[in-house]
Amino acid sequence: MLSLNYKERGEFILIEKIKDSINNLYEKIEKFYYRLSGKIEDSYRTFKRFFRNLKLWYPVLKTDEQWDYAYLYQAMRHKLSLMEDFQRSDRAMNLHAVDLGIEIHKVIRALDRLIEDDYMSEDAYEYYSKLKFEDINKQDNKEDIMRWFEEEDAREKKDREFVFNYMKDNVRGWWD
């Protein structure tokens, strides 16, 4: 049996304390290094992503305005288009990614119609293309004109409700 005298035990305890201090210092340095290297790597990724997104969004940003809903539709359409492209790409990991791309495309088509804002019927087009300036105030087709406006509003409302309701019901599933 190994027996230590008082002096040897004191030195042994001191050596153990020094070992513990060195191990603690090493662990702190290691944590600091991993935290620092992670922050540097995250900063690089953030920097790279920022310029990639700036390039992708530049066409929308250069014409964007804050005063009309059409610009909101264009920004939404652009974002959904990017999401659709990703879901249909080989980078998507979701087993149902192609189906998600198809769902997103349905919303994009409705947004395209909202952006175009062309819900006028063929009858209305024909009527207005033949209308002369001096005939504008005549009331001969007032009922038809009112019906055309109501149909136009109904078609626009249907697309608008489709976009927002479909997104409300499905947007949380559009991830990879």
N, C-alpha and C. Protein backbone atom coordinates (compact mmCIF):
# COMPACT_ATOMS: atom_id res chain seq x y z
N MET A 1 0.83 -1.16 0.00
CA MET A 1 0.00 0.00 0.00
C MET A 1 0.89 1.24 0.00
N LEU A 2 0.45 2.17 -0.78
CA LEU A 2 1.19 3.39 -0.91
C LEU A 2 0.78 4.33 0.22
N SER A 3 1.74 4.77 0.94
CA SER A 3 1.43 5.67 2.04
C SER A 3 2.18 6.97 1.81
N LEU A 4 1.44 8.05 1.92
CA LEU A 4 2.02 9.36 1.70
C LEU A 4 2.12 10.10 3.03
N ASN A 5 3.24 10.74 3.24
CA ASN A 5 3.32 11.55 4.45
C ASN A 5 2.61 12.87 4.20
N TYR A 6 2.51 13.69 5.22
CA TYR A 6 1.76 14.94 5.17
C TYR A 6 2.29 15.85 4.08
N LYS A 7 3.60 15.97 3.94
CA LYS A 7 4.20 16.84 2.94
C LYS A 7 3.89 16.35 1.54
N GLU A 8 3.97 15.05 1.32
CA GLU A 8 3.69 14.48 0.01
C GLU A 8 2.21 14.65 -0.36
N ARG A 9 1.33 14.46 0.63
CA ARG A 9 -0.09 14.65 0.38
C ARG A 9 -0.39 16.10 -0.01
N GLY A 10 0.24 17.03 0.61
CA GLY A 10 0.05 18.43 0.28
C GLY A 10 0.51 18.74 -1.13
N GLU A 11 1.64 18.17 -1.52
CA GLU A 11 2.13 18.37 -2.88
C GLU A 11 1.19 17.70 -3.89
N PHE A 12 0.69 16.51 -3.54
CA PHE A 12 -0.24 15.79 -4.42
C PHE A 12 -1.52 16.60 -4.64
N ILE A 13 -2.05 17.15 -3.55
CA ILE A 13 -3.28 17.96 -3.65
C ILE A 13 -3.01 19.20 -4.50
N LEU A 14 -1.85 19.83 -4.30
CA LEU A 14 -1.48 21.00 -5.09
C LEU A 14 -1.38 20.65 -6.57
N ILE A 15 -0.77 19.53 -6.88
CA ILE A 15 -0.64 19.08 -8.27
C ILE A 15 -2.02 18.84 -8.87
N GLU A 16 -2.93 18.21 -8.13
CA GLU A 16 -4.30 17.97 -8.60
C GLU A 16 -5.04 19.29 -8.85
N LYS A 17 -4.85 20.26 -7.99
CA LYS A 17 -5.48 21.57 -8.18
C LYS A 17 -4.94 22.25 -9.43
N ILE A 18 -3.64 22.14 -9.65
CA ILE A 18 -3.03 22.73 -10.85
C ILE A 18 -3.58 22.05 -12.09
N LYS A 19 -3.69 20.71 -12.07
CA LYS A 19 -4.26 19.97 -13.20
C LYS A 19 -5.70 20.42 -13.48
N ASP A 20 -6.49 20.55 -12.43
CA ASP A 20 -7.88 21.00 -12.59
C ASP A 20 -7.94 22.41 -13.17
N SER A 21 -7.09 23.29 -12.70
CA SER A 21 -7.06 24.67 -13.21
C SER A 21 -6.67 24.69 -14.69
N ILE A 22 -5.68 23.88 -15.06
CA ILE A 22 -5.26 23.81 -16.46
C ILE A 22 -6.40 23.26 -17.32
N ASN A 23 -7.07 22.22 -16.85
CA ASN A 23 -8.21 21.65 -17.60
C ASN A 23 -9.33 22.66 -17.75
N ASN A 24 -9.64 23.38 -16.69
CA ASN A 24 -10.69 24.42 -16.76
C ASN A 24 -10.30 25.52 -17.74
N LEU A 25 -9.05 25.95 -17.68
CA LEU A 25 -8.57 26.96 -18.61
C LEU A 25 -8.66 26.47 -20.04
N TYR A 26 -8.26 25.21 -20.27
CA TYR A 26 -8.33 24.63 -21.62
C TYR A 26 -9.78 24.60 -22.12
N GLU A 27 -10.71 24.19 -21.25
CA GLU A 27 -12.13 24.14 -21.63
C GLU A 27 -12.65 25.53 -21.98
N LYS A 28 -12.27 26.55 -21.21
CA LYS A 28 -12.71 27.91 -21.48
C LYS A 28 -12.14 28.42 -22.80
N ILE A 29 -10.86 28.13 -23.06
CA ILE A 29 -10.24 28.54 -24.32
C ILE A 29 -10.92 27.83 -25.48
N GLU A 30 -11.21 26.54 -25.31
CA GLU A 30 -11.87 25.76 -26.36
C GLU A 30 -13.27 26.32 -26.66
N LYS A 31 -14.04 26.62 -25.62
CA LYS A 31 -15.38 27.20 -25.81
C LYS A 31 -15.29 28.55 -26.52
N PHE A 32 -14.35 29.38 -26.08
CA PHE A 32 -14.17 30.69 -26.70
C PHE A 32 -13.81 30.54 -28.17
N TYR A 33 -12.91 29.62 -28.47
CA TYR A 33 -12.49 29.40 -29.87
C TYR A 33 -13.68 28.97 -30.72
N TYR A 34 -14.48 28.00 -30.24
CA TYR A 34 -15.61 27.52 -31.03
C TYR A 34 -16.67 28.61 -31.20
N ARG A 35 -16.88 29.40 -30.14
CA ARG A 35 -17.83 30.50 -30.24
C ARG A 35 -17.36 31.54 -31.25
N LEU A 36 -16.09 31.89 -31.17
CA LEU A 36 -15.52 32.88 -32.07
C LEU A 36 -15.51 32.38 -33.51
N SER A 37 -15.07 31.16 -33.72
CA SER A 37 -15.03 30.63 -35.09
C SER A 37 -16.44 30.49 -35.66
N GLY A 38 -17.40 30.13 -34.82
CA GLY A 38 -18.79 30.05 -35.27
C GLY A 38 -19.34 31.40 -35.67
N LYS A 39 -18.99 32.44 -34.90
CA LYS A 39 -19.45 33.78 -35.23
C LYS A 39 -18.83 34.27 -36.53
N ILE A 40 -17.58 33.96 -36.74
CA ILE A 40 -16.91 34.36 -37.98
C ILE A 40 -17.55 33.64 -39.16
N GLU A 41 -17.79 32.34 -39.00
CA GLU A 41 -18.43 31.57 -40.07
C GLU A 41 -19.85 32.07 -40.33
N ASP A 42 -20.61 32.35 -39.28
CA ASP A 42 -21.97 32.88 -39.44
C ASP A 42 -21.94 34.24 -40.13
N SER A 43 -20.98 35.08 -39.76
CA SER A 43 -20.87 36.40 -40.39
C SER A 43 -20.58 36.27 -41.87
N TYR A 44 -19.71 35.34 -42.23
CA TYR A 44 -19.39 35.12 -43.64
C TYR A 44 -20.64 34.65 -44.39
N ARG A 45 -21.37 33.70 -43.81
CA ARG A 45 -22.59 33.21 -44.46
C ARG A 45 -23.62 34.33 -44.59
N THR A 46 -23.78 35.13 -43.56
CA THR A 46 -24.73 36.24 -43.59
C THR A 46 -24.34 37.24 -44.67
N PHE A 47 -23.06 37.58 -44.74
CA PHE A 47 -22.54 38.50 -45.75
C PHE A 47 -22.81 37.97 -47.15
N LYS A 48 -22.49 36.70 -47.36
CA LYS A 48 -22.69 36.06 -48.67
C LYS A 48 -24.17 36.02 -49.03
N ARG A 49 -25.04 35.65 -48.07
CA ARG A 49 -26.48 35.58 -48.30
C ARG A 49 -27.06 36.96 -48.62
N PHE A 50 -26.57 37.98 -47.94
CA PHE A 50 -27.05 39.34 -48.18
C PHE A 50 -26.84 39.74 -49.64
N PHE A 51 -25.65 39.52 -50.17
CA PHE A 51 -25.37 39.93 -51.55
C PHE A 51 -26.09 39.03 -52.56
N ARG A 52 -26.26 37.77 -52.23
CA ARG A 52 -27.04 36.90 -53.12
C ARG A 52 -28.49 37.39 -53.17
N ASN A 53 -29.06 37.70 -52.01
CA ASN A 53 -30.44 38.18 -51.97
C ASN A 53 -30.58 39.55 -52.61
N LEU A 54 -29.58 40.40 -52.44
CA LEU A 54 -29.63 41.71 -53.08
C LEU A 54 -29.69 41.55 -54.60
N LYS A 55 -28.91 40.64 -55.12
CA LYS A 55 -28.92 40.37 -56.57
C LYS A 55 -30.28 39.81 -57.00
N LEU A 56 -30.83 38.90 -56.21
CA LEU A 56 -32.12 38.29 -56.56
C LEU A 56 -33.27 39.30 -56.47
N TRP A 57 -33.21 40.21 -55.52
CA TRP A 57 -34.31 41.14 -55.28
C TRP A 57 -34.15 42.48 -55.99
N TYR A 58 -33.02 42.74 -56.60
CA TYR A 58 -32.78 44.03 -57.24
C TYR A 58 -33.88 44.41 -58.24
N PRO A 59 -34.32 43.49 -59.12
CA PRO A 59 -35.38 43.88 -60.07
C PRO A 59 -36.66 44.38 -59.39
N VAL A 60 -36.99 43.83 -58.24
CA VAL A 60 -38.18 44.26 -57.52
C VAL A 60 -37.91 45.57 -56.78
N LEU A 61 -36.75 45.64 -56.13
CA LEU A 61 -36.42 46.81 -55.32
C LEU A 61 -36.28 48.08 -56.14
N LYS A 62 -35.77 47.96 -57.36
CA LYS A 62 -35.54 49.18 -58.15
C LYS A 62 -36.83 49.85 -58.59
N THR A 63 -37.95 49.12 -58.61
CA THR A 63 -39.23 49.72 -59.02
C THR A 63 -40.23 49.80 -57.88
N ASP A 64 -39.86 49.35 -56.69
CA ASP A 64 -40.80 49.28 -55.57
C ASP A 64 -41.21 50.66 -55.08
N GLU A 65 -42.47 50.76 -54.70
CA GLU A 65 -43.02 51.96 -54.07
C GLU A 65 -43.85 51.53 -52.88
N GLN A 66 -44.13 52.46 -51.99
CA GLN A 66 -44.88 52.15 -50.77
C GLN A 66 -46.36 52.54 -50.86
N TRP A 67 -46.80 53.13 -51.93
CA TRP A 67 -48.12 53.75 -51.95
C TRP A 67 -49.19 52.95 -52.69
N ASP A 68 -48.91 51.75 -53.17
CA ASP A 68 -49.92 51.02 -53.94
C ASP A 68 -49.81 49.52 -53.66
N TYR A 69 -50.95 48.88 -53.56
CA TYR A 69 -50.99 47.45 -53.29
C TYR A 69 -50.38 46.62 -54.42
N ALA A 70 -50.32 47.14 -55.63
CA ALA A 70 -49.74 46.40 -56.76
C ALA A 70 -48.27 46.08 -56.49
N TYR A 71 -47.56 46.97 -55.80
CA TYR A 71 -46.16 46.72 -55.48
C TYR A 71 -46.03 45.61 -54.44
N LEU A 72 -46.99 45.55 -53.53
CA LEU A 72 -47.02 44.45 -52.57
C LEU A 72 -47.23 43.13 -53.31
N TYR A 73 -48.17 43.11 -54.25
CA TYR A 73 -48.40 41.91 -55.05
C TYR A 73 -47.13 41.49 -55.79
N GLN A 74 -46.40 42.46 -56.33
CA GLN A 74 -45.17 42.13 -57.06
C GLN A 74 -44.11 41.55 -56.14
N ALA A 75 -43.97 42.11 -54.94
CA ALA A 75 -42.99 41.58 -53.97
C ALA A 75 -43.39 40.18 -53.53
N MET A 76 -44.69 39.97 -53.28
CA MET A 76 -45.16 38.64 -52.90
C MET A 76 -44.93 37.64 -54.03
N ARG A 77 -45.21 38.07 -55.25
CA ARG A 77 -45.03 37.19 -56.40
C ARG A 77 -43.56 36.80 -56.55
N HIS A 78 -42.67 37.77 -56.36
CA HIS A 78 -41.25 37.49 -56.50
C HIS A 78 -40.79 36.49 -55.43
N LYS A 79 -41.20 36.71 -54.19
CA LYS A 79 -40.81 35.81 -53.10
C LYS A 79 -41.35 34.40 -53.36
N LEU A 80 -42.60 34.31 -53.76
CA LEU A 80 -43.18 33.00 -54.03
C LEU A 80 -42.51 32.33 -55.22
N SER A 81 -42.11 33.10 -56.20
CA SER A 81 -41.40 32.55 -57.35
C SER A 81 -40.05 31.96 -56.92
N LEU A 82 -39.34 32.67 -56.04
CA LEU A 82 -38.08 32.14 -55.52
C LEU A 82 -38.32 30.85 -54.72
N MET A 83 -39.38 30.84 -53.93
CA MET A 83 -39.71 29.65 -53.15
C MET A 83 -40.09 28.49 -54.07
N GLU A 84 -40.87 28.77 -55.12
CA GLU A 84 -41.25 27.73 -56.07
C GLU A 84 -40.01 27.16 -56.75
N ASP A 85 -39.12 28.02 -57.21
CA ASP A 85 -37.89 27.56 -57.86
C ASP A 85 -37.09 26.66 -56.93
N PHE A 86 -36.99 27.05 -55.66
CA PHE A 86 -36.25 26.23 -54.70
C PHE A 86 -36.92 24.87 -54.51
N GLN A 87 -38.24 24.87 -54.34
CA GLN A 87 -38.95 23.60 -54.10
C GLN A 87 -38.84 22.66 -55.29
N ARG A 88 -38.75 23.21 -56.48
CA ARG A 88 -38.65 22.36 -57.68
C ARG A 88 -37.20 22.01 -58.02
N SER A 89 -36.25 22.54 -57.26
CA SER A 89 -34.84 22.29 -57.55
C SER A 89 -34.37 20.99 -56.88
N ASP A 90 -33.15 20.60 -57.20
CA ASP A 90 -32.58 19.41 -56.57
C ASP A 90 -32.02 19.71 -55.18
N ARG A 91 -32.06 20.97 -54.74
CA ARG A 91 -31.60 21.34 -53.41
C ARG A 91 -32.66 21.09 -52.34
N ALA A 92 -33.91 20.96 -52.74
CA ALA A 92 -34.99 20.76 -51.78
C ALA A 92 -34.90 19.35 -51.20
N MET A 93 -35.08 19.24 -49.90
CA MET A 93 -34.97 17.95 -49.21
C MET A 93 -36.33 17.33 -48.88
N ASN A 94 -37.37 18.12 -48.91
CA ASN A 94 -38.70 17.66 -48.57
C ASN A 94 -39.16 16.62 -49.60
N LEU A 95 -39.75 15.54 -49.12
CA LEU A 95 -40.23 14.50 -50.03
C LEU A 95 -41.34 14.99 -50.95
N HIS A 96 -42.07 16.00 -50.50
CA HIS A 96 -43.19 16.52 -51.28
C HIS A 96 -42.86 17.88 -51.89
N ALA A 97 -41.61 18.14 -52.13
CA ALA A 97 -41.17 19.46 -52.60
C ALA A 97 -41.81 19.84 -53.93
N VAL A 98 -41.91 18.90 -54.85
CA VAL A 98 -42.51 19.22 -56.15
C VAL A 98 -43.98 19.59 -55.97
N ASP A 99 -44.68 18.88 -55.10
CA ASP A 99 -46.09 19.22 -54.82
C ASP A 99 -46.20 20.62 -54.20
N LEU A 100 -45.25 20.95 -53.32
CA LEU A 100 -45.25 22.29 -52.74
C LEU A 100 -45.03 23.34 -53.81
N GLY A 101 -44.13 23.05 -54.75
CA GLY A 101 -43.89 23.96 -55.87
C GLY A 101 -45.15 24.19 -56.68
N ILE A 102 -45.92 23.13 -56.89
CA ILE A 102 -47.19 23.24 -57.64
C ILE A 102 -48.19 24.10 -56.85
N GLU A 103 -48.26 23.89 -55.53
CA GLU A 103 -49.16 24.70 -54.70
C GLU A 103 -48.79 26.17 -54.79
N ILE A 104 -47.51 26.45 -54.67
CA ILE A 104 -47.04 27.83 -54.72
C ILE A 104 -47.35 28.44 -56.08
N HIS A 105 -47.20 27.63 -57.13
CA HIS A 105 -47.46 28.14 -58.49
C HIS A 105 -48.92 28.57 -58.68
N LYS A 106 -49.84 27.88 -58.02
CA LYS A 106 -51.26 28.27 -58.10
C LYS A 106 -51.44 29.70 -57.58
N VAL A 107 -50.79 30.00 -56.49
CA VAL A 107 -50.89 31.34 -55.90
C VAL A 107 -50.23 32.37 -56.83
N ILE A 108 -49.10 31.99 -57.42
CA ILE A 108 -48.40 32.90 -58.34
C ILE A 108 -49.28 33.25 -59.53
N ARG A 109 -49.99 32.25 -60.07
CA ARG A 109 -50.88 32.54 -61.22
C ARG A 109 -51.96 33.54 -60.84
N ALA A 110 -52.55 33.37 -59.64
CA ALA A 110 -53.58 34.32 -59.19
C ALA A 110 -52.96 35.70 -58.95
N LEU A 111 -51.75 35.74 -58.40
CA LEU A 111 -51.07 37.03 -58.21
C LEU A 111 -50.78 37.70 -59.54
N ASP A 112 -50.41 36.91 -60.55
CA ASP A 112 -50.17 37.47 -61.88
C ASP A 112 -51.42 38.18 -62.40
N ARG A 113 -52.58 37.56 -62.19
CA ARG A 113 -53.82 38.19 -62.63
C ARG A 113 -54.10 39.47 -61.83
N LEU A 114 -53.82 39.43 -60.52
CA LEU A 114 -54.02 40.62 -59.70
C LEU A 114 -53.08 41.75 -60.12
N ILE A 115 -51.85 41.41 -60.45
CA ILE A 115 -50.88 42.42 -60.89
C ILE A 115 -51.31 43.00 -62.23
N GLU A 116 -51.75 42.13 -63.13
CA GLU A 116 -52.20 42.58 -64.46
C GLU A 116 -53.45 43.45 -64.33
N ASP A 117 -54.29 43.13 -63.34
CA ASP A 117 -55.51 43.89 -63.05
C ASP A 117 -56.37 44.08 -64.30
N ASP A 118 -56.55 42.99 -65.02
CA ASP A 118 -57.32 43.02 -66.26
C ASP A 118 -58.45 42.01 -66.15
N TYR A 119 -59.53 42.41 -65.52
CA TYR A 119 -60.66 41.52 -65.29
C TYR A 119 -61.86 41.88 -66.16
N MET A 120 -61.66 42.76 -67.10
CA MET A 120 -62.76 43.22 -67.96
C MET A 120 -63.19 42.09 -68.90
N SER A 121 -64.49 41.96 -69.11
CA SER A 121 -65.01 40.92 -69.99
C SER A 121 -64.80 41.30 -71.46
N GLU A 122 -64.94 40.32 -72.34
CA GLU A 122 -64.80 40.57 -73.78
C GLU A 122 -65.86 41.55 -74.27
N ASP A 123 -67.08 41.43 -73.74
CA ASP A 123 -68.15 42.36 -74.13
C ASP A 123 -67.78 43.80 -73.78
N ALA A 124 -67.22 43.98 -72.59
CA ALA A 124 -66.83 45.33 -72.17
C ALA A 124 -65.70 45.86 -73.04
N TYR A 125 -64.74 45.00 -73.36
CA TYR A 125 -63.65 45.43 -74.26
C TYR A 125 -64.20 45.88 -75.60
N GLU A 126 -65.09 45.07 -76.14
CA GLU A 126 -65.67 45.40 -77.44
C GLU A 126 -66.43 46.73 -77.37
N TYR A 127 -67.23 46.91 -76.32
CA TYR A 127 -68.00 48.13 -76.16
C TYR A 127 -67.08 49.35 -76.05
N TYR A 128 -66.08 49.26 -75.18
CA TYR A 128 -65.19 50.41 -74.95
C TYR A 128 -64.28 50.69 -76.14
N SER A 129 -63.94 49.68 -76.91
CA SER A 129 -63.09 49.93 -78.08
C SER A 129 -63.85 50.68 -79.18
N LYS A 130 -65.17 50.51 -79.23
CA LYS A 130 -65.98 51.20 -80.23
C LYS A 130 -66.52 52.54 -79.73
N LEU A 131 -66.38 52.80 -78.46
CA LEU A 131 -66.92 54.01 -77.86
C LEU A 131 -66.15 55.24 -78.33
N LYS A 132 -66.88 56.24 -78.72
CA LYS A 132 -66.28 57.51 -79.13
C LYS A 132 -66.37 58.49 -77.96
N PHE A 133 -65.49 59.46 -77.98
CA PHE A 133 -65.42 60.42 -76.88
C PHE A 133 -66.76 61.11 -76.63
N GLU A 134 -67.44 61.49 -77.68
CA GLU A 134 -68.70 62.21 -77.51
C GLU A 134 -69.83 61.32 -77.00
N ASP A 135 -69.66 59.99 -77.06
CA ASP A 135 -70.69 59.06 -76.58
C ASP A 135 -70.52 58.67 -75.11
N ILE A 136 -69.50 59.19 -74.46
CA ILE A 136 -69.19 58.76 -73.09
C ILE A 136 -70.35 59.03 -72.13
N ASN A 137 -71.02 60.15 -72.25
CA ASN A 137 -72.06 60.51 -71.29
C ASN A 137 -73.44 59.92 -71.63
N LYS A 138 -73.55 59.19 -72.71
CA LYS A 138 -74.84 58.59 -73.06
C LYS A 138 -75.14 57.44 -72.11
N GLN A 139 -76.40 57.25 -71.80
CA GLN A 139 -76.82 56.26 -70.81
C GLN A 139 -77.43 55.01 -71.44
N ASP A 140 -77.19 54.74 -72.71
CA ASP A 140 -77.87 53.64 -73.40
C ASP A 140 -77.49 52.25 -72.86
N ASN A 141 -76.30 52.04 -72.38
CA ASN A 141 -75.87 50.73 -71.88
C ASN A 141 -75.54 50.75 -70.39
N LYS A 142 -76.24 51.56 -69.65
CA LYS A 142 -75.92 51.72 -68.22
C LYS A 142 -75.99 50.41 -67.46
N GLU A 143 -77.01 49.58 -67.72
CA GLU A 143 -77.14 48.31 -67.01
C GLU A 143 -76.01 47.35 -67.37
N ASP A 144 -75.68 47.31 -68.65
CA ASP A 144 -74.56 46.46 -69.07
C ASP A 144 -73.25 46.91 -68.43
N ILE A 145 -73.04 48.21 -68.42
CA ILE A 145 -71.80 48.75 -67.84
C ILE A 145 -71.72 48.42 -66.35
N MET A 146 -72.82 48.59 -65.64
CA MET A 146 -72.83 48.27 -64.20
C MET A 146 -72.58 46.78 -63.99
N ARG A 147 -73.18 45.94 -64.81
CA ARG A 147 -72.97 44.48 -64.71
C ARG A 147 -71.51 44.13 -64.97
N TRP A 148 -70.91 44.78 -65.97
CA TRP A 148 -69.50 44.51 -66.28
C TRP A 148 -68.60 44.90 -65.11
N PHE A 149 -68.88 46.05 -64.51
CA PHE A 149 -68.09 46.48 -63.35
C PHE A 149 -68.24 45.49 -62.19
N GLU A 150 -69.45 45.05 -61.95
CA GLU A 150 -69.70 44.10 -60.86
C GLU A 150 -68.99 42.77 -61.13
N GLU A 151 -69.03 42.28 -62.39
CA GLU A 151 -68.35 41.03 -62.74
C GLU A 151 -66.83 41.18 -62.60
N GLU A 152 -66.35 42.34 -63.04
CA GLU A 152 -64.91 42.61 -62.93
C GLU A 152 -64.48 42.60 -61.46
N ASP A 153 -65.24 43.29 -60.61
CA ASP A 153 -64.93 43.32 -59.18
C ASP A 153 -65.01 41.93 -58.56
N ALA A 154 -66.00 41.14 -58.99
CA ALA A 154 -66.16 39.79 -58.44
C ALA A 154 -64.98 38.90 -58.82
N ARG A 155 -64.51 38.99 -60.06
CA ARG A 155 -63.35 38.18 -60.50
C ARG A 155 -62.09 38.59 -59.74
N GLU A 156 -61.90 39.90 -59.55
CA GLU A 156 -60.73 40.38 -58.82
C GLU A 156 -60.80 39.92 -57.36
N LYS A 157 -61.97 40.04 -56.76
CA LYS A 157 -62.15 39.63 -55.37
C LYS A 157 -61.90 38.13 -55.20
N LYS A 158 -62.35 37.35 -56.16
CA LYS A 158 -62.14 35.90 -56.10
C LYS A 158 -60.64 35.57 -56.09
N ASP A 159 -59.86 36.21 -56.97
CA ASP A 159 -58.42 35.98 -56.99
C ASP A 159 -57.75 36.45 -55.71
N ARG A 160 -58.15 37.64 -55.23
CA ARG A 160 -57.56 38.19 -54.01
C ARG A 160 -57.84 37.27 -52.82
N GLU A 161 -59.08 36.82 -52.70
CA GLU A 161 -59.42 35.91 -51.60
C GLU A 161 -58.70 34.58 -51.74
N PHE A 162 -58.56 34.09 -52.97
CA PHE A 162 -57.83 32.84 -53.18
C PHE A 162 -56.39 32.97 -52.69
N VAL A 163 -55.72 34.05 -53.10
CA VAL A 163 -54.31 34.23 -52.72
C VAL A 163 -54.16 34.24 -51.21
N PHE A 164 -54.91 35.09 -50.54
CA PHE A 164 -54.70 35.25 -49.10
C PHE A 164 -55.25 34.08 -48.30
N ASN A 165 -56.38 33.51 -48.70
CA ASN A 165 -56.90 32.35 -47.98
C ASN A 165 -56.03 31.11 -48.20
N TYR A 166 -55.57 30.92 -49.44
CA TYR A 166 -54.73 29.76 -49.73
C TYR A 166 -53.41 29.86 -48.97
N MET A 167 -52.85 31.08 -48.95
CA MET A 167 -51.61 31.25 -48.19
C MET A 167 -51.86 31.07 -46.69
N LYS A 168 -52.97 31.60 -46.20
CA LYS A 168 -53.30 31.46 -44.77
C LYS A 168 -53.37 29.98 -44.39
N ASP A 169 -53.95 29.18 -45.27
CA ASP A 169 -54.14 27.76 -44.97
C ASP A 169 -52.90 26.91 -45.25
N ASN A 170 -51.99 27.35 -46.12
CA ASN A 170 -50.91 26.47 -46.56
C ASN A 170 -49.49 26.97 -46.34
N VAL A 171 -49.31 28.24 -46.06
CA VAL A 171 -47.96 28.82 -46.04
C VAL A 171 -47.05 28.14 -45.02
N ARG A 172 -47.57 27.69 -43.92
CA ARG A 172 -46.72 27.06 -42.90
C ARG A 172 -46.18 25.70 -43.35
N GLY A 173 -46.73 25.17 -44.41
CA GLY A 173 -46.23 23.90 -44.96
C GLY A 173 -45.22 24.08 -46.06
N TRP A 174 -44.96 25.32 -46.45
CA TRP A 174 -44.05 25.59 -47.58
C TRP A 174 -42.63 25.80 -47.08
N TRP A 175 -42.07 24.79 -46.51
CA TRP A 175 -40.69 24.87 -46.03
C TRP A 175 -39.98 23.60 -46.43
N ASP A 176 -38.68 23.64 -46.30
CA ASP A 176 -37.88 22.48 -46.66
C ASP A 176 -37.23 21.91 -45.43
